[in-house]
Structure formats: structure tokens, C-alpha cells
Amino acid sequence: QERLWIKRLHRVKFKRIVRPGERLDIFAA
């Protein structure tokens, strides 16, 4: 419940293409 912006990214890896309509599960810690 905050207004946040991305400041920095580290070790980001893209492993799979995302197509229209696909369900995505997002996990953050």
C-alpha cells in the first residue's frame, strides 16, 4: 500500500516467453 518505483535491478533472468492470456504467478520476498 505504497507508491513505489523501480530503483535498481540485479541479476534479472528471462527464461520463458509470455504470450497473451497466460496466467502468471508472481512471488516476491
Full PDB file with SEQRES, HELIX, SHEET, SSBOND, CRYST1, ORIGX, SCALE, CONECT and MASTER records, all heavy atoms in Angstrom:
SEQRES   1 A   29  GLN GLU ARG LEU TRP ILE LYS ARG LEU HIS ARG VAL LYS          
SEQRES   2 A   29  PHE LYS ARG ILE VAL ARG PRO GLY GLU ARG LEU ASP ILE          
SEQRES   3 A   29  PHE ALA ALA                                                  
CRYST1    1.000    1.000    1.000  90.00  90.00  90.00 P 1           1          
ORIGX1      1.000000  0.000000  0.000000        0.00000                         
ORIGX2      0.000000  1.000000  0.000000        0.00000                         
ORIGX3      0.000000  0.000000  1.000000        0.00000                         
SCALE1      1.000000  0.000000  0.000000        0.00000                         
SCALE2      0.000000  1.000000  0.000000        0.00000                         
SCALE3      0.000000  0.000000  1.000000        0.00000                         
ATOM      1  N   GLN A   1       0.825  -1.206   0.000  1.00  0.00           N  
ATOM      2  CA  GLN A   1       0.000   0.000   0.000  1.00  0.00           C  
ATOM      3  C   GLN A   1       0.861   1.257   0.000  1.00  0.00           C  
ATOM      4  O   GLN A   1       0.668   2.183   0.782  1.00  0.00           O  
ATOM      5  CB  GLN A   1      -0.982  -0.011   1.172  1.00  0.00           C  
ATOM      6  CG  GLN A   1      -1.944  -1.154   1.092  1.00  0.00           C  
ATOM      7  CD  GLN A   1      -2.945  -1.179   2.231  1.00  0.00           C  
ATOM      8  OE1 GLN A   1      -2.971  -0.319   3.081  1.00  0.00           O  
ATOM      9  NE2 GLN A   1      -3.782  -2.195   2.228  1.00  0.00           N  
ATOM     10  N   GLU A   2       1.844   1.244  -0.914  1.00  0.00           N  
ATOM     11  CA  GLU A   2       2.755   2.366  -1.086  1.00  0.00           C  
ATOM     12  C   GLU A   2       2.898   2.647  -2.575  1.00  0.00           C  
ATOM     13  O   GLU A   2       2.654   1.777  -3.401  1.00  0.00           O  
ATOM     14  CB  GLU A   2       4.139   2.039  -0.517  1.00  0.00           C  
ATOM     15  CG  GLU A   2       4.162   1.762   0.962  1.00  0.00           C  
ATOM     16  CD  GLU A   2       5.556   1.374   1.435  1.00  0.00           C  
ATOM     17  OE1 GLU A   2       6.522   2.038   1.036  1.00  0.00           O  
ATOM     18  OE2 GLU A   2       5.663   0.398   2.193  1.00  0.00           O  
ATOM     19  N   ARG A   3       3.315   3.861  -2.906  1.00  0.00           N  
ATOM     20  CA  ARG A   3       3.612   4.204  -4.299  1.00  0.00           C  
ATOM     21  C   ARG A   3       5.108   4.007  -4.489  1.00  0.00           C  
ATOM     22  O   ARG A   3       5.906   4.796  -4.009  1.00  0.00           O  
ATOM     23  CB  ARG A   3       3.192   5.635  -4.574  1.00  0.00           C  
ATOM     24  CG  ARG A   3       1.674   5.779  -4.493  1.00  0.00           C  
ATOM     25  CD  ARG A   3       1.256   7.170  -4.785  1.00  0.00           C  
ATOM     26  NE  ARG A   3       1.618   7.487  -6.165  1.00  0.00           N  
ATOM     27  CZ  ARG A   3       1.336   8.627  -6.746  1.00  0.00           C  
ATOM     28  NH1 ARG A   3       0.710   9.563  -6.100  1.00  0.00           N  
ATOM     29  NH2 ARG A   3       1.700   8.860  -7.993  1.00  0.00           N  
ATOM     30  N   LEU A   4       5.471   2.929  -5.167  1.00  0.00           N  
ATOM     31  CA  LEU A   4       6.877   2.547  -5.312  1.00  0.00           C  
ATOM     32  C   LEU A   4       7.307   2.563  -6.775  1.00  0.00           C  
ATOM     33  O   LEU A   4       6.504   2.280  -7.670  1.00  0.00           O  
ATOM     34  CB  LEU A   4       7.109   1.153  -4.728  1.00  0.00           C  
ATOM     35  CG  LEU A   4       6.782   0.985  -3.243  1.00  0.00           C  
ATOM     36  CD1 LEU A   4       6.860  -0.483  -2.853  1.00  0.00           C  
ATOM     37  CD2 LEU A   4       7.721   1.821  -2.400  1.00  0.00           C  
ATOM     38  N   TRP A   5       8.589   2.848  -6.988  1.00  0.00           N  
ATOM     39  CA  TRP A   5       9.211   2.842  -8.302  1.00  0.00           C  
ATOM     40  C   TRP A   5      10.417   1.919  -8.275  1.00  0.00           C  
ATOM     41  O   TRP A   5      11.057   1.762  -7.243  1.00  0.00           O  
ATOM     42  CB  TRP A   5       9.705   4.246  -8.660  1.00  0.00           C  
ATOM     43  CG  TRP A   5       8.613   5.225  -8.898  1.00  0.00           C  
ATOM     44  CD1 TRP A   5       7.892   5.890  -7.943  1.00  0.00           C  
ATOM     45  CD2 TRP A   5       8.107   5.654 -10.151  1.00  0.00           C  
ATOM     46  NE1 TRP A   5       6.985   6.712  -8.526  1.00  0.00           N  
ATOM     47  CE2 TRP A   5       7.100   6.592  -9.891  1.00  0.00           C  
ATOM     48  CE3 TRP A   5       8.421   5.345 -11.464  1.00  0.00           C  
ATOM     49  CZ2 TRP A   5       6.387   7.218 -10.912  1.00  0.00           C  
ATOM     50  CZ3 TRP A   5       7.710   5.980 -12.471  1.00  0.00           C  
ATOM     51  CH2 TRP A   5       6.711   6.893 -12.191  1.00  0.00           C  
ATOM     52  N   ILE A   6      10.751   1.372  -9.421  1.00  0.00           N  
ATOM     53  CA  ILE A   6      11.954   0.551  -9.521  1.00  0.00           C  
ATOM     54  C   ILE A   6      13.163   1.477  -9.506  1.00  0.00           C  
ATOM     55  O   ILE A   6      13.265   2.401 -10.314  1.00  0.00           O  
ATOM     56  CB  ILE A   6      11.946  -0.299 -10.810  1.00  0.00           C  
ATOM     57  CG1 ILE A   6      10.765  -1.265 -10.805  1.00  0.00           C  
ATOM     58  CG2 ILE A   6      13.267  -1.054 -10.955  1.00  0.00           C  
ATOM     59  CD1 ILE A   6      10.562  -2.002 -12.114  1.00  0.00           C  
ATOM     60  N   LYS A   7      14.065   1.207  -8.577  1.00  0.00           N  
ATOM     61  CA  LYS A   7      15.291   1.993  -8.472  1.00  0.00           C  
ATOM     62  C   LYS A   7      16.452   1.276  -9.160  1.00  0.00           C  
ATOM     63  O   LYS A   7      17.200   1.864  -9.923  1.00  0.00           O  
ATOM     64  CB  LYS A   7      15.610   2.227  -7.001  1.00  0.00           C  
ATOM     65  CG  LYS A   7      16.827   3.077  -6.746  1.00  0.00           C  
ATOM     66  CD  LYS A   7      17.013   3.301  -5.247  1.00  0.00           C  
ATOM     67  CE  LYS A   7      18.243   4.136  -4.969  1.00  0.00           C  
ATOM     68  NZ  LYS A   7      18.414   4.360  -3.532  1.00  0.00           N  
ATOM     69  N   ARG A   8      16.606  -0.015  -8.856  1.00  0.00           N  
ATOM     70  CA  ARG A   8      17.693  -0.816  -9.443  1.00  0.00           C  
ATOM     71  C   ARG A   8      17.204  -2.245  -9.658  1.00  0.00           C  
ATOM     72  O   ARG A   8      16.358  -2.742  -8.933  1.00  0.00           O  
ATOM     73  CB  ARG A   8      18.888  -0.868  -8.501  1.00  0.00           C  
ATOM     74  CG  ARG A   8      19.649   0.408  -8.418  1.00  0.00           C  
ATOM     75  CD  ARG A   8      20.992   0.186  -7.722  1.00  0.00           C  
ATOM     76  NE  ARG A   8      21.726   1.424  -7.670  1.00  0.00           N  
ATOM     77  CZ  ARG A   8      21.747   2.228  -6.610  1.00  0.00           C  
ATOM     78  NH1 ARG A   8      21.076   1.917  -5.533  1.00  0.00           N  
ATOM     79  NH2 ARG A   8      22.451   3.343  -6.647  1.00  0.00           N  
ATOM     80  N   LEU A   9      17.849  -2.890 -10.621  1.00  0.00           N  
ATOM     81  CA  LEU A   9      17.591  -4.307 -10.894  1.00  0.00           C  
ATOM     82  C   LEU A   9      18.903  -5.063 -10.789  1.00  0.00           C  
ATOM     83  O   LEU A   9      19.953  -4.542 -11.173  1.00  0.00           O  
ATOM     84  CB  LEU A   9      17.011  -4.478 -12.300  1.00  0.00           C  
ATOM     85  CG  LEU A   9      15.669  -3.799 -12.520  1.00  0.00           C  
ATOM     86  CD1 LEU A   9      15.360  -3.729 -14.003  1.00  0.00           C  
ATOM     87  CD2 LEU A   9      14.570  -4.514 -11.770  1.00  0.00           C  
ATOM     88  N   HIS A  10      18.821  -6.293 -10.272  1.00  0.00           N  
ATOM     89  CA  HIS A  10      20.022  -7.106 -10.092  1.00  0.00           C  
ATOM     90  C   HIS A  10      19.745  -8.528 -10.574  1.00  0.00           C  
ATOM     91  O   HIS A  10      18.704  -9.092 -10.273  1.00  0.00           O  
ATOM     92  CB  HIS A  10      20.417  -7.178  -8.606  1.00  0.00           C  
ATOM     93  CG  HIS A  10      20.481  -5.848  -7.939  1.00  0.00           C  
ATOM     94  ND1 HIS A  10      21.579  -5.038  -7.970  1.00  0.00           N  
ATOM     95  CD2 HIS A  10      19.550  -5.173  -7.214  1.00  0.00           C  
ATOM     96  CE1 HIS A  10      21.344  -3.932  -7.290  1.00  0.00           C  
ATOM     97  NE2 HIS A  10      20.115  -3.985  -6.823  1.00  0.00           N  
ATOM     98  N   ARG A  11      20.672  -9.074 -11.307  1.00  0.00           N  
ATOM     99  CA  ARG A  11      20.640 -10.484 -11.708  1.00  0.00           C  
ATOM    100  C   ARG A  11      19.298 -10.943 -12.273  1.00  0.00           C  
ATOM    101  O   ARG A  11      18.806 -12.014 -11.931  1.00  0.00           O  
ATOM    102  CB  ARG A  11      21.045 -11.371 -10.544  1.00  0.00           C  
ATOM    103  CG  ARG A  11      22.436 -11.075 -10.049  1.00  0.00           C  
ATOM    104  CD  ARG A  11      22.802 -11.959  -8.879  1.00  0.00           C  
ATOM    105  NE  ARG A  11      24.057 -11.519  -8.316  1.00  0.00           N  
ATOM    106  CZ  ARG A  11      25.145 -12.240  -8.309  1.00  0.00           C  
ATOM    107  NH1 ARG A  11      25.143 -13.448  -8.801  1.00  0.00           N  
ATOM    108  NH2 ARG A  11      26.251 -11.767  -7.789  1.00  0.00           N  
ATOM    109  N   VAL A  12      18.730 -10.137 -13.115  1.00  0.00           N  
ATOM    110  CA  VAL A  12      17.440 -10.476 -13.720  1.00  0.00           C  
ATOM    111  C   VAL A  12      17.673 -11.448 -14.871  1.00  0.00           C  
ATOM    112  O   VAL A  12      18.547 -11.237 -15.708  1.00  0.00           O  
ATOM    113  CB  VAL A  12      16.718  -9.209 -14.222  1.00  0.00           C  
ATOM    114  CG1 VAL A  12      15.435  -9.572 -14.951  1.00  0.00           C  
ATOM    115  CG2 VAL A  12      16.432  -8.275 -13.050  1.00  0.00           C  
ATOM    116  N   LYS A  13      16.881 -12.506 -14.867  1.00  0.00           N  
ATOM    117  CA  LYS A  13      16.965 -13.517 -15.926  1.00  0.00           C  
ATOM    118  C   LYS A  13      15.569 -13.754 -16.494  1.00  0.00           C  
ATOM    119  O   LYS A  13      14.616 -13.984 -15.755  1.00  0.00           O  
ATOM    120  CB  LYS A  13      17.513 -14.830 -15.371  1.00  0.00           C  
ATOM    121  CG  LYS A  13      18.945 -14.717 -14.898  1.00  0.00           C  
ATOM    122  CD  LYS A  13      19.447 -16.029 -14.394  1.00  0.00           C  
ATOM    123  CE  LYS A  13      20.876 -15.855 -13.870  1.00  0.00           C  
ATOM    124  NZ  LYS A  13      21.382 -17.089 -13.302  1.00  0.00           N  
ATOM    125  N   PHE A  14      15.474 -13.705 -17.810  1.00  0.00           N  
ATOM    126  CA  PHE A  14      14.233 -14.012 -18.513  1.00  0.00           C  
ATOM    127  C   PHE A  14      14.402 -15.395 -19.123  1.00  0.00           C  
ATOM    128  O   PHE A  14      15.309 -15.615 -19.914  1.00  0.00           O  
ATOM    129  CB  PHE A  14      13.948 -12.954 -19.587  1.00  0.00           C  
ATOM    130  CG  PHE A  14      13.755 -11.588 -19.005  1.00  0.00           C  
ATOM    131  CD1 PHE A  14      14.795 -10.672 -18.988  1.00  0.00           C  
ATOM    132  CD2 PHE A  14      12.540 -11.223 -18.453  1.00  0.00           C  
ATOM    133  CE1 PHE A  14      14.634  -9.415 -18.447  1.00  0.00           C  
ATOM    134  CE2 PHE A  14      12.363  -9.965 -17.896  1.00  0.00           C  
ATOM    135  CZ  PHE A  14      13.416  -9.063 -17.892  1.00  0.00           C  
ATOM    136  N   LYS A  15      13.519 -16.307 -18.752  1.00  0.00           N  
ATOM    137  CA  LYS A  15      13.706 -17.709 -19.126  1.00  0.00           C  
ATOM    138  C   LYS A  15      12.630 -18.264 -20.050  1.00  0.00           C  
ATOM    139  O   LYS A  15      12.804 -19.349 -20.599  1.00  0.00           O  
ATOM    140  CB  LYS A  15      13.762 -18.560 -17.856  1.00  0.00           C  
ATOM    141  CG  LYS A  15      14.904 -18.153 -16.941  1.00  0.00           C  
ATOM    142  CD  LYS A  15      14.910 -18.989 -15.699  1.00  0.00           C  
ATOM    143  CE  LYS A  15      16.065 -18.554 -14.804  1.00  0.00           C  
ATOM    144  NZ  LYS A  15      16.130 -19.351 -13.591  1.00  0.00           N  
ATOM    145  N   ARG A  16      11.529 -17.546 -20.181  1.00  0.00           N  
ATOM    146  CA  ARG A  16      10.418 -18.071 -20.960  1.00  0.00           C  
ATOM    147  C   ARG A  16       9.636 -16.919 -21.573  1.00  0.00           C  
ATOM    148  O   ARG A  16       9.442 -15.892 -20.933  1.00  0.00           O  
ATOM    149  CB  ARG A  16       9.495 -18.885 -20.062  1.00  0.00           C  
ATOM    150  CG  ARG A  16       8.342 -19.519 -20.771  1.00  0.00           C  
ATOM    151  CD  ARG A  16       7.366 -20.158 -19.761  1.00  0.00           C  
ATOM    152  NE  ARG A  16       6.282 -20.788 -20.440  1.00  0.00           N  
ATOM    153  CZ  ARG A  16       5.250 -20.151 -20.982  1.00  0.00           C  
ATOM    154  NH1 ARG A  16       5.170 -18.842 -20.918  1.00  0.00           N  
ATOM    155  NH2 ARG A  16       4.289 -20.816 -21.585  1.00  0.00           N  
ATOM    156  N   ILE A  17       9.158 -17.093 -22.782  1.00  0.00           N  
ATOM    157  CA  ILE A  17       8.308 -16.099 -23.447  1.00  0.00           C  
ATOM    158  C   ILE A  17       6.911 -16.149 -22.832  1.00  0.00           C  
ATOM    159  O   ILE A  17       6.382 -17.227 -22.547  1.00  0.00           O  
ATOM    160  CB  ILE A  17       8.260 -16.382 -24.961  1.00  0.00           C  
ATOM    161  CG1 ILE A  17       9.627 -16.080 -25.583  1.00  0.00           C  
ATOM    162  CG2 ILE A  17       7.162 -15.594 -25.640  1.00  0.00           C  
ATOM    163  CD1 ILE A  17       9.730 -16.445 -27.039  1.00  0.00           C  
ATOM    164  N   VAL A  18       6.306 -14.965 -22.655  1.00  0.00           N  
ATOM    165  CA  VAL A  18       4.938 -14.861 -22.145  1.00  0.00           C  
ATOM    166  C   VAL A  18       4.033 -14.439 -23.300  1.00  0.00           C  
ATOM    167  O   VAL A  18       4.287 -13.446 -23.978  1.00  0.00           O  
ATOM    168  CB  VAL A  18       4.837 -13.829 -20.999  1.00  0.00           C  
ATOM    169  CG1 VAL A  18       3.391 -13.679 -20.535  1.00  0.00           C  
ATOM    170  CG2 VAL A  18       5.737 -14.244 -19.836  1.00  0.00           C  
ATOM    171  N   ARG A  19       2.986 -15.216 -23.503  1.00  0.00           N  
ATOM    172  CA  ARG A  19       2.027 -14.982 -24.584  1.00  0.00           C  
ATOM    173  C   ARG A  19       0.744 -14.351 -24.017  1.00  0.00           C  
ATOM    174  O   ARG A  19       0.462 -14.459 -22.829  1.00  0.00           O  
ATOM    175  CB  ARG A  19       1.668 -16.301 -25.274  1.00  0.00           C  
ATOM    176  CG  ARG A  19       2.847 -17.026 -25.874  1.00  0.00           C  
ATOM    177  CD  ARG A  19       3.263 -16.399 -27.144  1.00  0.00           C  
ATOM    178  NE  ARG A  19       4.389 -17.145 -27.728  1.00  0.00           N  
ATOM    179  CZ  ARG A  19       5.118 -16.665 -28.686  1.00  0.00           C  
ATOM    180  NH1 ARG A  19       4.865 -15.496 -29.205  1.00  0.00           N  
ATOM    181  NH2 ARG A  19       6.130 -17.369 -29.157  1.00  0.00           N  
ATOM    182  N   PRO A  20      -0.063 -13.724 -24.880  1.00  0.00           N  
ATOM    183  CA  PRO A  20      -1.326 -13.147 -24.430  1.00  0.00           C  
ATOM    184  C   PRO A  20      -2.213 -14.175 -23.736  1.00  0.00           C  
ATOM    185  O   PRO A  20      -2.304 -15.328 -24.166  1.00  0.00           O  
ATOM    186  CB  PRO A  20      -1.979 -12.671 -25.732  1.00  0.00           C  
ATOM    187  CG  PRO A  20      -0.848 -12.472 -26.678  1.00  0.00           C  
ATOM    188  CD  PRO A  20       0.179 -13.507 -26.309  1.00  0.00           C  
ATOM    189  N   GLY A  21      -2.828 -13.764 -22.631  1.00  0.00           N  
ATOM    190  CA  GLY A  21      -3.784 -14.611 -21.923  1.00  0.00           C  
ATOM    191  C   GLY A  21      -3.183 -15.619 -20.964  1.00  0.00           C  
ATOM    192  O   GLY A  21      -3.925 -16.330 -20.287  1.00  0.00           O  
ATOM    193  N   GLU A  22      -1.881 -15.711 -20.871  1.00  0.00           N  
ATOM    194  CA  GLU A  22      -1.271 -16.687 -19.964  1.00  0.00           C  
ATOM    195  C   GLU A  22      -1.377 -16.221 -18.515  1.00  0.00           C  
ATOM    196  O   GLU A  22      -1.219 -15.044 -18.218  1.00  0.00           O  
ATOM    197  CB  GLU A  22       0.196 -16.928 -20.322  1.00  0.00           C  
ATOM    198  CG  GLU A  22       0.363 -17.665 -21.615  1.00  0.00           C  
ATOM    199  CD  GLU A  22       1.802 -18.026 -21.918  1.00  0.00           C  
ATOM    200  OE1 GLU A  22       2.734 -17.411 -21.357  1.00  0.00           O  
ATOM    201  OE2 GLU A  22       1.995 -18.955 -22.727  1.00  0.00           O  
ATOM    202  N   ARG A  23      -1.628 -17.178 -17.633  1.00  0.00           N  
ATOM    203  CA  ARG A  23      -1.694 -16.884 -16.200  1.00  0.00           C  
ATOM    204  C   ARG A  23      -0.292 -16.901 -15.616  1.00  0.00           C  
ATOM    205  O   ARG A  23       0.479 -17.836 -15.856  1.00  0.00           O  
ATOM    206  CB  ARG A  23      -2.556 -17.914 -15.473  1.00  0.00           C  
ATOM    207  CG  ARG A  23      -2.833 -17.509 -14.031  1.00  0.00           C  
ATOM    208  CD  ARG A  23      -3.460 -18.607 -13.223  1.00  0.00           C  
ATOM    209  NE  ARG A  23      -2.381 -19.528 -12.881  1.00  0.00           N  
ATOM    210  CZ  ARG A  23      -2.465 -20.853 -12.932  1.00  0.00           C  
ATOM    211  NH1 ARG A  23      -3.564 -21.431 -13.312  1.00  0.00           N  
ATOM    212  NH2 ARG A  23      -1.447 -21.600 -12.608  1.00  0.00           N  
ATOM    213  N   LEU A  24       0.039 -15.868 -14.865  1.00  0.00           N  
ATOM    214  CA  LEU A  24       1.360 -15.746 -14.265  1.00  0.00           C  
ATOM    215  C   LEU A  24       1.240 -15.726 -12.742  1.00  0.00           C  
ATOM    216  O   LEU A  24       0.364 -15.060 -12.194  1.00  0.00           O  
ATOM    217  CB  LEU A  24       2.044 -14.462 -14.731  1.00  0.00           C  
ATOM    218  CG  LEU A  24       2.217 -14.309 -16.239  1.00  0.00           C  
ATOM    219  CD1 LEU A  24       2.759 -12.930 -16.570  1.00  0.00           C  
ATOM    220  CD2 LEU A  24       3.124 -15.400 -16.790  1.00  0.00           C  
ATOM    221  N   ASP A  25       2.111 -16.460 -12.090  1.00  0.00           N  
ATOM    222  CA  ASP A  25       2.204 -16.426 -10.637  1.00  0.00           C  
ATOM    223  C   ASP A  25       3.428 -15.604 -10.278  1.00  0.00           C  
ATOM    224  O   ASP A  25       4.521 -15.842 -10.800  1.00  0.00           O  
ATOM    225  CB  ASP A  25       2.305 -17.847 -10.066  1.00  0.00           C  
ATOM    226  CG  ASP A  25       1.028 -18.628 -10.285  1.00  0.00           C  
ATOM    227  OD1 ASP A  25      -0.043 -18.126  -9.897  1.00  0.00           O  
ATOM    228  OD2 ASP A  25       1.091 -19.728 -10.852  1.00  0.00           O  
ATOM    229  N   ILE A  26       3.233 -14.636  -9.397  1.00  0.00           N  
ATOM    230  CA  ILE A  26       4.295 -13.713  -9.012  1.00  0.00           C  
ATOM    231  C   ILE A  26       4.602 -13.927  -7.534  1.00  0.00           C  
ATOM    232  O   ILE A  26       3.696 -13.918  -6.698  1.00  0.00           O  
ATOM    233  CB  ILE A  26       3.864 -12.255  -9.258  1.00  0.00           C  
ATOM    234  CG1 ILE A  26       3.511 -12.069 -10.741  1.00  0.00           C  
ATOM    235  CG2 ILE A  26       4.937 -11.279  -8.800  1.00  0.00           C  
ATOM    236  CD1 ILE A  26       2.760 -10.794 -11.041  1.00  0.00           C  
ATOM    237  N   PHE A  27       5.874 -14.122  -7.237  1.00  0.00           N  
ATOM    238  CA  PHE A  27       6.337 -14.305  -5.862  1.00  0.00           C  
ATOM    239  C   PHE A  27       7.394 -13.243  -5.577  1.00  0.00           C  
ATOM    240  O   PHE A  27       8.296 -13.047  -6.374  1.00  0.00           O  
ATOM    241  CB  PHE A  27       6.966 -15.691  -5.676  1.00  0.00           C  
ATOM    242  CG  PHE A  27       6.074 -16.820  -6.105  1.00  0.00           C  
ATOM    243  CD1 PHE A  27       6.148 -17.329  -7.400  1.00  0.00           C  
ATOM    244  CD2 PHE A  27       5.158 -17.366  -5.228  1.00  0.00           C  
ATOM    245  CE1 PHE A  27       5.332 -18.360  -7.810  1.00  0.00           C  
ATOM    246  CE2 PHE A  27       4.325 -18.405  -5.631  1.00  0.00           C  
ATOM    247  CZ  PHE A  27       4.412 -18.903  -6.906  1.00  0.00           C  
ATOM    248  N   ALA A  28       7.282 -12.576  -4.436  1.00  0.00           N  
ATOM    249  CA  ALA A  28       8.279 -11.573  -4.045  1.00  0.00           C  
ATOM    250  C   ALA A  28       8.518 -11.695  -2.546  1.00  0.00           C  
ATOM    251  O   ALA A  28       7.596 -11.987  -1.786  1.00  0.00           O  
ATOM    252  CB  ALA A  28       7.809 -10.168  -4.390  1.00  0.00           C  
ATOM    253  N   ALA A  29       9.753 -11.471  -2.139  1.00  0.00           N  
ATOM    254  CA  ALA A  29      10.115 -11.530  -0.720  1.00  0.00           C  
ATOM    255  C   ALA A  29      11.059 -10.382  -0.407  1.00  0.00           C  
ATOM    256  O   ALA A  29      12.049 -10.171  -1.118  1.00  0.00           O  
ATOM    257  CB  ALA A  29      10.778 -12.863  -0.387  1.00  0.00           C  
TER     258      ALA A  29                                                      
MASTER        0    0    0    0    0    0    0    6  257    1    0    3          
END                                                                             
